[in-house]
Amino acid sequence: NFQAALFNKKAFNLAKLVQNITTAVESRAKSI
């Protein structure tokens, strides 16, 4: 939302974020 404000946008794409987070979380948790 902070970055989107720089584009004068407020829409939050939760589905796309969740998709990106799933990959990041899997990798990071295994690393820990």
PDB file of all heavy atoms in Angstrom:
ATOM      1  N   ASN A   1       0.823  -1.209   0.000  1.00  0.00           N
ATOM      2  CA  ASN A   1       0.000   0.000   0.000  1.00  0.00           C
ATOM      3  C   ASN A   1       0.860   1.264   0.000  1.00  0.00           C
ATOM      4  O   ASN A   1       0.502   2.276  -0.608  1.00  0.00           O
ATOM      5  CB  ASN A   1      -0.933  -0.003   1.209  1.00  0.00           C
ATOM      6  CG  ASN A   1      -2.033  -1.043   1.075  1.00  0.00           C
ATOM      7  OD1 ASN A   1      -2.468  -1.357  -0.031  1.00  0.00           O
ATOM      8  ND2 ASN A   1      -2.475  -1.598   2.184  1.00  0.00           N
ATOM      9  N   PHE A   2       1.991   1.205   0.681  1.00  0.00           N
ATOM     10  CA  PHE A   2       2.922   2.329   0.692  1.00  0.00           C
ATOM     11  C   PHE A   2       3.434   2.619  -0.724  1.00  0.00           C
ATOM     12  O   PHE A   2       3.447   3.767  -1.173  1.00  0.00           O
ATOM     13  CB  PHE A   2       4.097   2.003   1.624  1.00  0.00           C
ATOM     14  CG  PHE A   2       5.257   2.957   1.515  1.00  0.00           C
ATOM     15  CD1 PHE A   2       5.201   4.225   2.067  1.00  0.00           C
ATOM     16  CD2 PHE A   2       6.416   2.569   0.855  1.00  0.00           C
ATOM     17  CE1 PHE A   2       6.275   5.102   1.966  1.00  0.00           C
ATOM     18  CE2 PHE A   2       7.495   3.434   0.751  1.00  0.00           C
ATOM     19  CZ  PHE A   2       7.425   4.697   1.301  1.00  0.00           C
ATOM     20  N   GLN A   3       3.846   1.568  -1.414  1.00  0.00           N
ATOM     21  CA  GLN A   3       4.352   1.736  -2.778  1.00  0.00           C
ATOM     22  C   GLN A   3       3.231   2.131  -3.736  1.00  0.00           C
ATOM     23  O   GLN A   3       3.414   2.976  -4.609  1.00  0.00           O
ATOM     24  CB  GLN A   3       5.001   0.429  -3.257  1.00  0.00           C
ATOM     25  CG  GLN A   3       5.585   0.472  -4.667  1.00  0.00           C
ATOM     26  CD  GLN A   3       6.947   1.141  -4.715  1.00  0.00           C
ATOM     27  OE1 GLN A   3       7.268   1.966  -3.863  1.00  0.00           O
ATOM     28  NE2 GLN A   3       7.748   0.782  -5.693  1.00  0.00           N
ATOM     29  N   ALA A   4       2.055   1.520  -3.550  1.00  0.00           N
ATOM     30  CA  ALA A   4       0.925   1.832  -4.425  1.00  0.00           C
ATOM     31  C   ALA A   4       0.543   3.299  -4.328  1.00  0.00           C
ATOM     32  O   ALA A   4       0.123   3.918  -5.308  1.00  0.00           O
ATOM     33  CB  ALA A   4      -0.268   0.947  -4.072  1.00  0.00           C
ATOM     34  N   ALA A   5       0.705   3.876  -3.133  1.00  0.00           N
ATOM     35  CA  ALA A   5       0.365   5.292  -2.944  1.00  0.00           C
ATOM     36  C   ALA A   5       1.232   6.183  -3.828  1.00  0.00           C
ATOM     37  O   ALA A   5       0.802   7.271  -4.239  1.00  0.00           O
ATOM     38  CB  ALA A   5       0.525   5.677  -1.475  1.00  0.00           C
ATOM     39  N   LEU A   6       2.450   5.721  -4.127  1.00  0.00           N
ATOM     40  CA  LEU A   6       3.318   6.500  -5.009  1.00  0.00           C
ATOM     41  C   LEU A   6       2.773   6.548  -6.426  1.00  0.00           C
ATOM     42  O   LEU A   6       3.105   7.435  -7.207  1.00  0.00           O
ATOM     43  CB  LEU A   6       4.734   5.903  -5.018  1.00  0.00           C
ATOM     44  CG  LEU A   6       5.456   5.854  -3.668  1.00  0.00           C
ATOM     45  CD1 LEU A   6       6.822   5.205  -3.821  1.00  0.00           C
ATOM     46  CD2 LEU A   6       5.596   7.260  -3.088  1.00  0.00           C
ATOM     47  N   PHE A   7       1.937   5.563  -6.747  1.00  0.00           N
ATOM     48  CA  PHE A   7       1.288   5.518  -8.056  1.00  0.00           C
ATOM     49  C   PHE A   7      -0.146   6.057  -7.972  1.00  0.00           C
ATOM     50  O   PHE A   7      -0.914   5.935  -8.928  1.00  0.00           O
ATOM     51  CB  PHE A   7       1.246   4.074  -8.579  1.00  0.00           C
ATOM     52  CG  PHE A   7       2.596   3.482  -8.874  1.00  0.00           C
ATOM     53  CD1 PHE A   7       3.286   2.782  -7.903  1.00  0.00           C
ATOM     54  CD2 PHE A   7       3.164   3.630 -10.133  1.00  0.00           C
ATOM     55  CE1 PHE A   7       4.532   2.224  -8.172  1.00  0.00           C
ATOM     56  CE2 PHE A   7       4.417   3.078 -10.410  1.00  0.00           C
ATOM     57  CZ  PHE A   7       5.095   2.373  -9.428  1.00  0.00           C
ATOM     58  N   ASN A   8      -0.491   6.608  -6.800  1.00  0.00           N
ATOM     59  CA  ASN A   8      -1.856   7.090  -6.552  1.00  0.00           C
ATOM     60  C   ASN A   8      -2.885   5.980  -6.710  1.00  0.00           C
ATOM     61  O   ASN A   8      -3.983   6.183  -7.225  1.00  0.00           O
ATOM     62  CB  ASN A   8      -2.200   8.257  -7.492  1.00  0.00           C
ATOM     63  CG  ASN A   8      -1.343   9.477  -7.220  1.00  0.00           C
ATOM     64  OD1 ASN A   8      -1.123   9.850  -6.071  1.00  0.00           O
ATOM     65  ND2 ASN A   8      -0.826  10.087  -8.283  1.00  0.00           N
ATOM     66  N   LYS A   9      -2.516   4.790  -6.263  1.00  0.00           N
ATOM     67  CA  LYS A   9      -3.399   3.634  -6.311  1.00  0.00           C
ATOM     68  C   LYS A   9      -3.603   3.106  -4.894  1.00  0.00           C
ATOM     69  O   LYS A   9      -2.760   3.271  -4.020  1.00  0.00           O
ATOM     70  CB  LYS A   9      -2.796   2.512  -7.174  1.00  0.00           C
ATOM     71  CG  LYS A   9      -2.444   2.919  -8.597  1.00  0.00           C
ATOM     72  CD  LYS A   9      -3.682   3.032  -9.472  1.00  0.00           C
ATOM     73  CE  LYS A   9      -3.279   3.278 -10.927  1.00  0.00           C
ATOM     74  NZ  LYS A   9      -4.434   3.363 -11.831  1.00  0.00           N
ATOM     75  N   LYS A  10      -4.732   2.425  -4.693  1.00  0.00           N
ATOM     76  CA  LYS A  10      -4.985   1.867  -3.366  1.00  0.00           C
ATOM     77  C   LYS A  10      -5.415   0.404  -3.413  1.00  0.00           C
ATOM     78  O   LYS A  10      -5.531  -0.237  -2.386  1.00  0.00           O
ATOM     79  CB  LYS A  10      -6.061   2.678  -2.642  1.00  0.00           C
ATOM     80  CG  LYS A  10      -5.600   4.089  -2.254  1.00  0.00           C
ATOM     81  CD  LYS A  10      -6.643   4.796  -1.421  1.00  0.00           C
ATOM     82  CE  LYS A  10      -6.139   6.177  -1.006  1.00  0.00           C
ATOM     83  NZ  LYS A  10      -7.144   6.909  -0.196  1.00  0.00           N
ATOM     84  N   ALA A  11      -5.649  -0.124  -4.594  1.00  0.00           N
ATOM     85  CA  ALA A  11      -6.106  -1.509  -4.713  1.00  0.00           C
ATOM     86  C   ALA A  11      -5.041  -2.471  -4.201  1.00  0.00           C
ATOM     87  O   ALA A  11      -3.855  -2.294  -4.471  1.00  0.00           O
ATOM     88  CB  ALA A  11      -6.440  -1.820  -6.170  1.00  0.00           C
ATOM     89  N   PHE A  12      -5.491  -3.507  -3.465  1.00  0.00           N
ATOM     90  CA  PHE A  12      -4.555  -4.469  -2.900  1.00  0.00           C
ATOM     91  C   PHE A  12      -4.876  -5.841  -3.471  1.00  0.00           C
ATOM     92  O   PHE A  12      -5.945  -6.389  -3.249  1.00  0.00           O
ATOM     93  CB  PHE A  12      -4.673  -4.472  -1.380  1.00  0.00           C
ATOM     94  CG  PHE A  12      -3.812  -5.510  -0.715  1.00  0.00           C
ATOM     95  CD1 PHE A  12      -2.450  -5.540  -0.947  1.00  0.00           C
ATOM     96  CD2 PHE A  12      -4.376  -6.430   0.140  1.00  0.00           C
ATOM     97  CE1 PHE A  12      -1.652  -6.491  -0.337  1.00  0.00           C
ATOM     98  CE2 PHE A  12      -3.589  -7.381   0.757  1.00  0.00           C
ATOM     99  CZ  PHE A  12      -2.227  -7.409   0.521  1.00  0.00           C
ATOM    100  N   ASN A  13      -3.940  -6.410  -4.214  1.00  0.00           N
ATOM    101  CA  ASN A  13      -4.138  -7.696  -4.862  1.00  0.00           C
ATOM    102  C   ASN A  13      -3.705  -8.814  -3.913  1.00  0.00           C
ATOM    103  O   ASN A  13      -2.571  -9.294  -3.973  1.00  0.00           O
ATOM    104  CB  ASN A  13      -3.333  -7.753  -6.166  1.00  0.00           C
ATOM    105  CG  ASN A  13      -3.705  -8.961  -7.018  1.00  0.00           C
ATOM    106  OD1 ASN A  13      -4.169  -9.968  -6.499  1.00  0.00           O
ATOM    107  ND2 ASN A  13      -3.492  -8.842  -8.313  1.00  0.00           N
ATOM    108  N   LEU A  14      -4.606  -9.234  -3.027  1.00  0.00           N
ATOM    109  CA  LEU A  14      -4.277 -10.230  -2.021  1.00  0.00           C
ATOM    110  C   LEU A  14      -3.920 -11.572  -2.646  1.00  0.00           C
ATOM    111  O   LEU A  14      -2.974 -12.233  -2.222  1.00  0.00           O
ATOM    112  CB  LEU A  14      -5.444 -10.403  -1.050  1.00  0.00           C
ATOM    113  CG  LEU A  14      -5.239 -11.430   0.073  1.00  0.00           C
ATOM    114  CD1 LEU A  14      -4.060 -11.019   0.946  1.00  0.00           C
ATOM    115  CD2 LEU A  14      -6.507 -11.574   0.909  1.00  0.00           C
ATOM    116  N   ALA A  15      -4.658 -11.986  -3.670  1.00  0.00           N
ATOM    117  CA  ALA A  15      -4.408 -13.282  -4.298  1.00  0.00           C
ATOM    118  C   ALA A  15      -3.000 -13.361  -4.866  1.00  0.00           C
ATOM    119  O   ALA A  15      -2.296 -14.369  -4.698  1.00  0.00           O
ATOM    120  CB  ALA A  15      -5.438 -13.533  -5.393  1.00  0.00           C
ATOM    121  N   LYS A  16      -2.574 -12.302  -5.531  1.00  0.00           N
ATOM    122  CA  LYS A  16      -1.232 -12.288  -6.122  1.00  0.00           C
ATOM    123  C   LYS A  16      -0.175 -12.285  -5.028  1.00  0.00           C
ATOM    124  O   LYS A  16       0.864 -12.952  -5.145  1.00  0.00           O
ATOM    125  CB  LYS A  16      -1.076 -11.047  -7.004  1.00  0.00           C
ATOM    126  CG  LYS A  16       0.246 -10.973  -7.774  1.00  0.00           C
ATOM    127  CD  LYS A  16       0.331 -12.059  -8.823  1.00  0.00           C
ATOM    128  CE  LYS A  16       1.608 -11.925  -9.658  1.00  0.00           C
ATOM    129  NZ  LYS A  16       1.572 -10.728 -10.550  1.00  0.00           N
ATOM    130  N   LEU A  17      -0.425 -11.572  -3.947  1.00  0.00           N
ATOM    131  CA  LEU A  17       0.528 -11.518  -2.848  1.00  0.00           C
ATOM    132  C   LEU A  17       0.673 -12.897  -2.204  1.00  0.00           C
ATOM    133  O   LEU A  17       1.787 -13.351  -1.936  1.00  0.00           O
ATOM    134  CB  LEU A  17       0.081 -10.501  -1.802  1.00  0.00           C
ATOM    135  CG  LEU A  17       1.004 -10.358  -0.584  1.00  0.00           C
ATOM    136  CD1 LEU A  17       2.388  -9.902  -1.009  1.00  0.00           C
ATOM    137  CD2 LEU A  17       0.410  -9.370   0.413  1.00  0.00           C
ATOM    138  N   VAL A  18      -0.452 -13.558  -1.952  1.00  0.00           N
ATOM    139  CA  VAL A  18      -0.430 -14.890  -1.345  1.00  0.00           C
ATOM    140  C   VAL A  18       0.361 -15.857  -2.214  1.00  0.00           C
ATOM    141  O   VAL A  18       1.140 -16.678  -1.721  1.00  0.00           O
ATOM    142  CB  VAL A  18      -1.859 -15.418  -1.109  1.00  0.00           C
ATOM    143  CG1 VAL A  18      -1.829 -16.893  -0.723  1.00  0.00           C
ATOM    144  CG2 VAL A  18      -2.549 -14.604  -0.021  1.00  0.00           C
ATOM    145  N   GLN A  19       0.168 -15.756  -3.518  1.00  0.00           N
ATOM    146  CA  GLN A  19       0.888 -16.621  -4.454  1.00  0.00           C
ATOM    147  C   GLN A  19       2.398 -16.422  -4.325  1.00  0.00           C
ATOM    148  O   GLN A  19       3.168 -17.384  -4.279  1.00  0.00           O
ATOM    149  CB  GLN A  19       0.446 -16.329  -5.888  1.00  0.00           C
ATOM    150  CG  GLN A  19       1.161 -17.162  -6.937  1.00  0.00           C
ATOM    151  CD  GLN A  19       0.747 -16.768  -8.349  1.00  0.00           C
ATOM    152  OE1 GLN A  19      -0.206 -16.018  -8.554  1.00  0.00           O
ATOM    153  NE2 GLN A  19       1.459 -17.279  -9.333  1.00  0.00           N
ATOM    154  N   ASN A  20       2.836 -15.179  -4.239  1.00  0.00           N
ATOM    155  CA  ASN A  20       4.255 -14.878  -4.111  1.00  0.00           C
ATOM    156  C   ASN A  20       4.794 -15.277  -2.735  1.00  0.00           C
ATOM    157  O   ASN A  20       5.925 -15.760  -2.615  1.00  0.00           O
ATOM    158  CB  ASN A  20       4.498 -13.385  -4.335  1.00  0.00           C
ATOM    159  CG  ASN A  20       4.510 -13.008  -5.803  1.00  0.00           C
ATOM    160  OD1 ASN A  20       5.556 -12.948  -6.434  1.00  0.00           O
ATOM    161  ND2 ASN A  20       3.341 -12.761  -6.368  1.00  0.00           N
ATOM    162  N   ILE A  21       3.981 -15.092  -1.717  1.00  0.00           N
ATOM    163  CA  ILE A  21       4.403 -15.398  -0.358  1.00  0.00           C
ATOM    164  C   ILE A  21       4.601 -16.896  -0.163  1.00  0.00           C
ATOM    165  O   ILE A  21       5.538 -17.328   0.517  1.00  0.00           O
ATOM    166  CB  ILE A  21       3.371 -14.854   0.651  1.00  0.00           C
ATOM    167  CG1 ILE A  21       3.577 -13.353   0.828  1.00  0.00           C
ATOM    168  CG2 ILE A  21       3.498 -15.553   2.004  1.00  0.00           C
ATOM    169  CD1 ILE A  21       2.548 -12.702   1.727  1.00  0.00           C
ATOM    170  N   THR A  22       3.758 -17.704  -0.756  1.00  0.00           N
ATOM    171  CA  THR A  22       3.830 -19.156  -0.577  1.00  0.00           C
ATOM    172  C   THR A  22       5.207 -19.695  -0.931  1.00  0.00           C
ATOM    173  O   THR A  22       5.804 -20.482  -0.183  1.00  0.00           O
ATOM    174  CB  THR A  22       2.771 -19.863  -1.438  1.00  0.00           C
ATOM    175  OG1 THR A  22       1.464 -19.421  -1.036  1.00  0.00           O
ATOM    176  CG2 THR A  22       2.851 -21.374  -1.265  1.00  0.00           C
ATOM    177  N   THR A  23       5.748 -19.240  -2.045  1.00  0.00           N
ATOM    178  CA  THR A  23       7.076 -19.679  -2.475  1.00  0.00           C
ATOM    179  C   THR A  23       8.153 -19.173  -1.527  1.00  0.00           C
ATOM    180  O   THR A  23       9.063 -19.917  -1.134  1.00  0.00           O
ATOM    181  CB  THR A  23       7.379 -19.188  -3.902  1.00  0.00           C
ATOM    182  OG1 THR A  23       6.377 -19.691  -4.787  1.00  0.00           O
ATOM    183  CG2 THR A  23       8.740 -19.663  -4.365  1.00  0.00           C
ATOM    184  N   ALA A  24       8.074 -17.907  -1.150  1.00  0.00           N
ATOM    185  CA  ALA A  24       9.077 -17.314  -0.272  1.00  0.00           C
ATOM    186  C   ALA A  24       9.090 -17.982   1.099  1.00  0.00           C
ATOM    187  O   ALA A  24      10.159 -18.264   1.663  1.00  0.00           O
ATOM    188  CB  ALA A  24       8.816 -15.815  -0.122  1.00  0.00           C
ATOM    189  N   VAL A  25       7.910 -18.251   1.651  1.00  0.00           N
ATOM    190  CA  VAL A  25       7.794 -18.853   2.974  1.00  0.00           C
ATOM    191  C   VAL A  25       8.366 -20.269   2.984  1.00  0.00           C
ATOM    192  O   VAL A  25       9.084 -20.658   3.915  1.00  0.00           O
ATOM    193  CB  VAL A  25       6.318 -18.867   3.424  1.00  0.00           C
ATOM    194  CG1 VAL A  25       6.108 -19.847   4.563  1.00  0.00           C
ATOM    195  CG2 VAL A  25       5.886 -17.472   3.848  1.00  0.00           C
ATOM    196  N   GLU A  26       8.051 -21.034   1.976  1.00  0.00           N
ATOM    197  CA  GLU A  26       8.537 -22.417   1.902  1.00  0.00           C
ATOM    198  C   GLU A  26      10.064 -22.462   1.927  1.00  0.00           C
ATOM    199  O   GLU A  26      10.665 -23.228   2.687  1.00  0.00           O
ATOM    200  CB  GLU A  26       8.023 -23.063   0.606  1.00  0.00           C
ATOM    201  CG  GLU A  26       8.303 -24.554   0.488  1.00  0.00           C
ATOM    202  CD  GLU A  26       7.402 -25.405   1.351  1.00  0.00           C
ATOM    203  OE1 GLU A  26       6.308 -24.929   1.721  1.00  0.00           O
ATOM    204  OE2 GLU A  26       7.801 -26.544   1.648  1.00  0.00           O
ATOM    205  N   SER A  27      10.673 -21.617   1.124  1.00  0.00           N
ATOM    206  CA  SER A  27      12.130 -21.581   1.038  1.00  0.00           C
ATOM    207  C   SER A  27      12.761 -21.101   2.339  1.00  0.00           C
ATOM    208  O   SER A  27      13.725 -21.692   2.847  1.00  0.00           O
ATOM    209  CB  SER A  27      12.549 -20.660  -0.119  1.00  0.00           C
ATOM    210  OG  SER A  27      13.944 -20.463  -0.142  1.00  0.00           O
ATOM    211  N   ARG A  28      12.215 -20.030   2.897  1.00  0.00           N
ATOM    212  CA  ARG A  28      12.803 -19.425   4.088  1.00  0.00           C
ATOM    213  C   ARG A  28      12.648 -20.323   5.324  1.00  0.00           C
ATOM    214  O   ARG A  28      13.575 -20.458   6.123  1.00  0.00           O
ATOM    215  CB  ARG A  28      12.147 -18.063   4.352  1.00  0.00           C
ATOM    216  CG  ARG A  28      12.721 -17.328   5.531  1.00  0.00           C
ATOM    217  CD  ARG A  28      14.164 -16.959   5.311  1.00  0.00           C
ATOM    218  NE  ARG A  28      14.725 -16.332   6.507  1.00  0.00           N
ATOM    219  CZ  ARG A  28      15.894 -16.643   7.034  1.00  0.00           C
ATOM    220  NH1 ARG A  28      16.645 -17.560   6.470  1.00  0.00           N
ATOM    221  NH2 ARG A  28      16.316 -16.039   8.115  1.00  0.00           N
ATOM    222  N   ALA A  29      11.483 -20.956   5.498  1.00  0.00           N
ATOM    223  CA  ALA A  29      11.253 -21.818   6.657  1.00  0.00           C
ATOM    224  C   ALA A  29      12.213 -23.009   6.640  1.00  0.00           C
ATOM    225  O   ALA A  29      12.787 -23.374   7.671  1.00  0.00           O
ATOM    226  CB  ALA A  29       9.809 -22.303   6.673  1.00  0.00           C
ATOM    227  N   LYS A  30      12.407 -23.595   5.477  1.00  0.00           N
ATOM    228  CA  LYS A  30      13.331 -24.722   5.366  1.00  0.00           C
ATOM    229  C   LYS A  30      14.755 -24.282   5.676  1.00  0.00           C
ATOM    230  O   LYS A  30      15.523 -25.025   6.292  1.00  0.00           O
ATOM    231  CB  LYS A  30      13.255 -25.329   3.966  1.00  0.00           C
ATOM    232  CG  LYS A  30      11.976 -26.109   3.700  1.00  0.00           C
ATOM    233  CD  LYS A  30      11.963 -26.696   2.299  1.00  0.00           C
ATOM    234  CE  LYS A  30      10.697 -27.512   2.059  1.00  0.00           C
ATOM    235  NZ  LYS A  30      10.657 -28.058   0.663  1.00  0.00           N
ATOM    236  N   SER A  31      15.110 -23.073   5.268  1.00  0.00           N
ATOM    237  CA  SER A  31      16.446 -22.549   5.531  1.00  0.00           C
ATOM    238  C   SER A  31      16.673 -22.356   7.030  1.00  0.00           C
ATOM    239  O   SER A  31      17.760 -22.671   7.551  1.00  0.00           O
ATOM    240  CB  SER A  31      16.629 -21.215   4.798  1.00  0.00           C
ATOM    241  OG  SER A  31      17.874 -20.630   5.111  1.00  0.00           O
ATOM    242  N   ILE A  32      15.678 -21.857   7.742  1.00  0.00           N
ATOM    243  CA  ILE A  32      15.794 -21.651   9.188  1.00  0.00           C
ATOM    244  C   ILE A  32      15.999 -22.979   9.904  1.00  0.00           C
ATOM    245  O   ILE A  32      16.874 -23.118  10.767  1.00  0.00           O
ATOM    246  CB  ILE A  32      14.541 -20.938   9.729  1.00  0.00           C
ATOM    247  CG1 ILE A  32      14.511 -19.491   9.241  1.00  0.00           C
ATOM    248  CG2 ILE A  32      14.502 -20.984  11.259  1.00  0.00           C
ATOM    249  CD1 ILE A  32      13.229 -18.753   9.582  1.00  0.00           C
TER     250      ILE A  32
END
